[in-house]
Amino acid sequence: MSYCRWSTDDFQCDLYCYESDEGFITHVAGQRIKYKTPLPPPVDESDFNALLKRHETVIGMLDNAEREPIGLPYDGKTFCDHDLPSFLERVKMLKKIGYNVPDYLIPMIIKEIGLD
């Protein structure tokens, strides 16, 4: 199960997190996408055609986007946490020092642990 991917939030997520046989894996990006123009505004989540059109626009923007180093201590690193509480602390730490983490990720892990 994937918790988030680098493509999450219009390719603005710095983490790729998933569960594996070894535990909860977190890959930290080494670079960020820097778009040359602003991202299109959000669309109604229930409008599939609008979502598809927006997604196609964002994908097209990637062709001209630049990549820039993130410049934080864990760029390009991979972590394996053996339980959900450790995974939660890892994600919270990465967010606190400046990595882009989707807004839903921490509450999702808290709910999965049963702490909500």
C-alpha atoms as a PDB file:
ATOM      1  CA  MET A   1       0.000   0.000   0.000  1.00  0.00           C
ATOM      2  CA  SER A   2       1.318   3.410  -0.943  1.00  0.00           C
ATOM      3  CA  TYR A   3       0.734   6.247   1.520  1.00  0.00           C
ATOM      4  CA  CYS A   4       2.041   8.933  -0.828  1.00  0.00           C
ATOM      5  CA  ARG A   5       4.172   9.215  -3.945  1.00  0.00           C
ATOM      6  CA  TRP A   6       6.401  11.879  -5.420  1.00  0.00           C
ATOM      7  CA  SER A   7       3.561  12.541  -7.870  1.00  0.00           C
ATOM      8  CA  THR A   8       1.189  13.411  -5.007  1.00  0.00           C
ATOM      9  CA  ASP A   9       0.051  17.053  -4.842  1.00  0.00           C
ATOM     10  CA  ASP A  10       1.021  17.814  -8.455  1.00  0.00           C
ATOM     11  CA  PHE A  11       4.492  16.311  -8.026  1.00  0.00           C
ATOM     12  CA  GLN A  12       5.209  18.540  -5.031  1.00  0.00           C
ATOM     13  CA  CYS A  13       5.527  15.699  -2.493  1.00  0.00           C
ATOM     14  CA  ASP A  14       9.076  15.034  -1.286  1.00  0.00           C
ATOM     15  CA  LEU A  15       8.290  11.537   0.029  1.00  0.00           C
ATOM     16  CA  TYR A  16       7.379   8.173  -1.414  1.00  0.00           C
ATOM     17  CA  CYS A  17       6.023   6.061   1.451  1.00  0.00           C
ATOM     18  CA  TYR A  18       4.669   2.526   1.372  1.00  0.00           C
ATOM     19  CA  GLU A  19       4.400  -0.643   3.410  1.00  0.00           C
ATOM     20  CA  SER A  20       6.550  -3.618   2.435  1.00  0.00           C
ATOM     21  CA  ASP A  21       7.563  -6.965   3.924  1.00  0.00           C
ATOM     22  CA  GLU A  22      10.471  -5.164   5.599  1.00  0.00           C
ATOM     23  CA  GLY A  23       8.332  -2.467   7.211  1.00  0.00           C
ATOM     24  CA  PHE A  24       7.257   1.071   6.361  1.00  0.00           C
ATOM     25  CA  ILE A  25       9.555   2.478   3.694  1.00  0.00           C
ATOM     26  CA  THR A  26      10.143   6.199   3.172  1.00  0.00           C
ATOM     27  CA  HIS A  27      12.175   7.380   0.196  1.00  0.00           C
ATOM     28  CA  VAL A  28      13.089  11.061   0.380  1.00  0.00           C
ATOM     29  CA  ALA A  29      13.462  12.945  -2.895  1.00  0.00           C
ATOM     30  CA  GLY A  30      16.730  14.615  -3.725  1.00  0.00           C
ATOM     31  CA  GLN A  31      15.178  17.232  -6.003  1.00  0.00           C
ATOM     32  CA  ARG A  32      11.966  19.199  -6.343  1.00  0.00           C
ATOM     33  CA  ILE A  33       9.989  20.147  -9.410  1.00  0.00           C
ATOM     34  CA  LYS A  34      10.042  23.887 -10.074  1.00  0.00           C
ATOM     35  CA  TYR A  35       7.285  24.840 -12.500  1.00  0.00           C
ATOM     36  CA  LYS A  36       7.865  27.816 -14.797  1.00  0.00           C
ATOM     37  CA  THR A  37       4.220  28.886 -14.529  1.00  0.00           C
ATOM     38  CA  PRO A  38       1.745  28.631 -11.653  1.00  0.00           C
ATOM     39  CA  LEU A  39      -0.205  25.412 -11.277  1.00  0.00           C
ATOM     40  CA  PRO A  40      -3.811  25.502 -12.473  1.00  0.00           C
ATOM     41  CA  PRO A  41      -6.397  26.102  -9.758  1.00  0.00           C
ATOM     42  CA  PRO A  42      -8.038  23.098  -8.089  1.00  0.00           C
ATOM     43  CA  VAL A  43     -11.189  21.684  -9.652  1.00  0.00           C
ATOM     44  CA  ASP A  44     -14.260  19.969  -8.250  1.00  0.00           C
ATOM     45  CA  GLU A  45     -13.159  16.478  -7.163  1.00  0.00           C
ATOM     46  CA  SER A  46     -16.468  15.023  -8.354  1.00  0.00           C
ATOM     47  CA  ASP A  47     -15.979  16.305 -11.923  1.00  0.00           C
ATOM     48  CA  PHE A  48     -13.932  13.552 -13.569  1.00  0.00           C
ATOM     49  CA  ASN A  49     -13.518  15.418 -16.869  1.00  0.00           C
ATOM     50  CA  ALA A  50     -12.250  18.535 -15.103  1.00  0.00           C
ATOM     51  CA  LEU A  51      -9.865  16.421 -13.015  1.00  0.00           C
ATOM     52  CA  LEU A  52      -8.553  14.684 -16.132  1.00  0.00           C
ATOM     53  CA  LYS A  53      -8.070  17.963 -18.007  1.00  0.00           C
ATOM     54  CA  ARG A  54      -6.248  19.528 -15.048  1.00  0.00           C
ATOM     55  CA  HIS A  55      -4.049  16.446 -14.663  1.00  0.00           C
ATOM     56  CA  GLU A  56      -3.134  16.547 -18.360  1.00  0.00           C
ATOM     57  CA  THR A  57      -2.231  20.225 -17.985  1.00  0.00           C
ATOM     58  CA  VAL A  58       0.038  19.497 -15.017  1.00  0.00           C
ATOM     59  CA  ILE A  59       1.684  16.587 -16.839  1.00  0.00           C
ATOM     60  CA  GLY A  60       2.343  18.912 -19.784  1.00  0.00           C
ATOM     61  CA  MET A  61       3.898  21.463 -17.459  1.00  0.00           C
ATOM     62  CA  LEU A  62       6.443  18.868 -16.339  1.00  0.00           C
ATOM     63  CA  ASP A  63       8.098  18.985 -19.767  1.00  0.00           C
ATOM     64  CA  ASN A  64       9.248  22.560 -19.150  1.00  0.00           C
ATOM     65  CA  ALA A  65       9.745  22.319 -15.402  1.00  0.00           C
ATOM     66  CA  GLU A  66      13.150  22.463 -13.818  1.00  0.00           C
ATOM     67  CA  ARG A  67      14.477  20.277 -11.044  1.00  0.00           C
ATOM     68  CA  GLU A  68      16.338  21.822  -8.167  1.00  0.00           C
ATOM     69  CA  PRO A  69      18.112  20.292  -5.179  1.00  0.00           C
ATOM     70  CA  ILE A  70      16.032  20.364  -2.021  1.00  0.00           C
ATOM     71  CA  GLY A  71      19.041  21.085   0.203  1.00  0.00           C
ATOM     72  CA  LEU A  72      17.905  19.407   3.411  1.00  0.00           C
ATOM     73  CA  PRO A  73      19.772  16.767   5.452  1.00  0.00           C
ATOM     74  CA  TYR A  74      17.936  13.652   4.228  1.00  0.00           C
ATOM     75  CA  ASP A  75      17.785  14.345   0.476  1.00  0.00           C
ATOM     76  CA  GLY A  76      17.930  11.060  -1.435  1.00  0.00           C
ATOM     77  CA  LYS A  77      17.856   8.893   1.700  1.00  0.00           C
ATOM     78  CA  THR A  78      15.674   5.850   2.353  1.00  0.00           C
ATOM     79  CA  PHE A  79      14.331   4.821   5.747  1.00  0.00           C
ATOM     80  CA  CYS A  80      12.668   1.634   6.970  1.00  0.00           C
ATOM     81  CA  ASP A  81      10.545   1.803  10.108  1.00  0.00           C
ATOM     82  CA  HIS A  82       9.287  -1.446  11.569  1.00  0.00           C
ATOM     83  CA  ASP A  83       6.023  -0.179  13.038  1.00  0.00           C
ATOM     84  CA  LEU A  84       3.422   2.526  12.465  1.00  0.00           C
ATOM     85  CA  PRO A  85       4.367   4.690  15.484  1.00  0.00           C
ATOM     86  CA  SER A  86       7.993   4.854  14.288  1.00  0.00           C
ATOM     87  CA  PHE A  87       6.821   5.603  10.743  1.00  0.00           C
ATOM     88  CA  LEU A  88       4.612   8.399  12.097  1.00  0.00           C
ATOM     89  CA  GLU A  89       7.517   9.948  14.001  1.00  0.00           C
ATOM     90  CA  ARG A  90       9.723   9.711  10.897  1.00  0.00           C
ATOM     91  CA  VAL A  91       7.170  11.526   8.721  1.00  0.00           C
ATOM     92  CA  LYS A  92       6.580  14.184  11.389  1.00  0.00           C
ATOM     93  CA  MET A  93      10.322  14.786  11.703  1.00  0.00           C
ATOM     94  CA  LEU A  94      10.768  15.095   7.934  1.00  0.00           C
ATOM     95  CA  LYS A  95       7.862  17.545   7.713  1.00  0.00           C
ATOM     96  CA  LYS A  96       9.200  19.589  10.630  1.00  0.00           C
ATOM     97  CA  ILE A  97      12.585  20.114   8.991  1.00  0.00           C
ATOM     98  CA  GLY A  98      11.025  21.268   5.735  1.00  0.00           C
ATOM     99  CA  TYR A  99      10.168  18.384   3.438  1.00  0.00           C
ATOM    100  CA  ASN A 100       6.862  18.643   1.561  1.00  0.00           C
ATOM    101  CA  VAL A 101       4.434  16.138   3.058  1.00  0.00           C
ATOM    102  CA  PRO A 102       0.808  15.811   1.929  1.00  0.00           C
ATOM    103  CA  ASP A 103      -1.657  17.298   4.431  1.00  0.00           C
ATOM    104  CA  TYR A 104      -3.543  14.007   4.707  1.00  0.00           C
ATOM    105  CA  LEU A 105      -0.542  11.775   5.492  1.00  0.00           C
ATOM    106  CA  ILE A 106      -0.016  12.345   9.222  1.00  0.00           C
ATOM    107  CA  PRO A 107      -3.752  12.144  10.080  1.00  0.00           C
ATOM    108  CA  MET A 108      -3.984   8.953   7.971  1.00  0.00           C
ATOM    109  CA  ILE A 109      -1.169   7.288   9.921  1.00  0.00           C
ATOM    110  CA  ILE A 110      -2.633   8.457  13.244  1.00  0.00           C
ATOM    111  CA  LYS A 111      -5.984   6.960  12.268  1.00  0.00           C
ATOM    112  CA  GLU A 112      -4.359   3.697  11.210  1.00  0.00           C
ATOM    113  CA  ILE A 113      -2.584   3.483  14.569  1.00  0.00           C
ATOM    114  CA  GLY A 114      -5.899   4.155  16.275  1.00  0.00           C
ATOM    115  CA  LEU A 115      -4.855   7.341  18.048  1.00  0.00           C
ATOM    116  CA  ASP A 116      -7.616   9.546  16.642  1.00  0.00           C
END
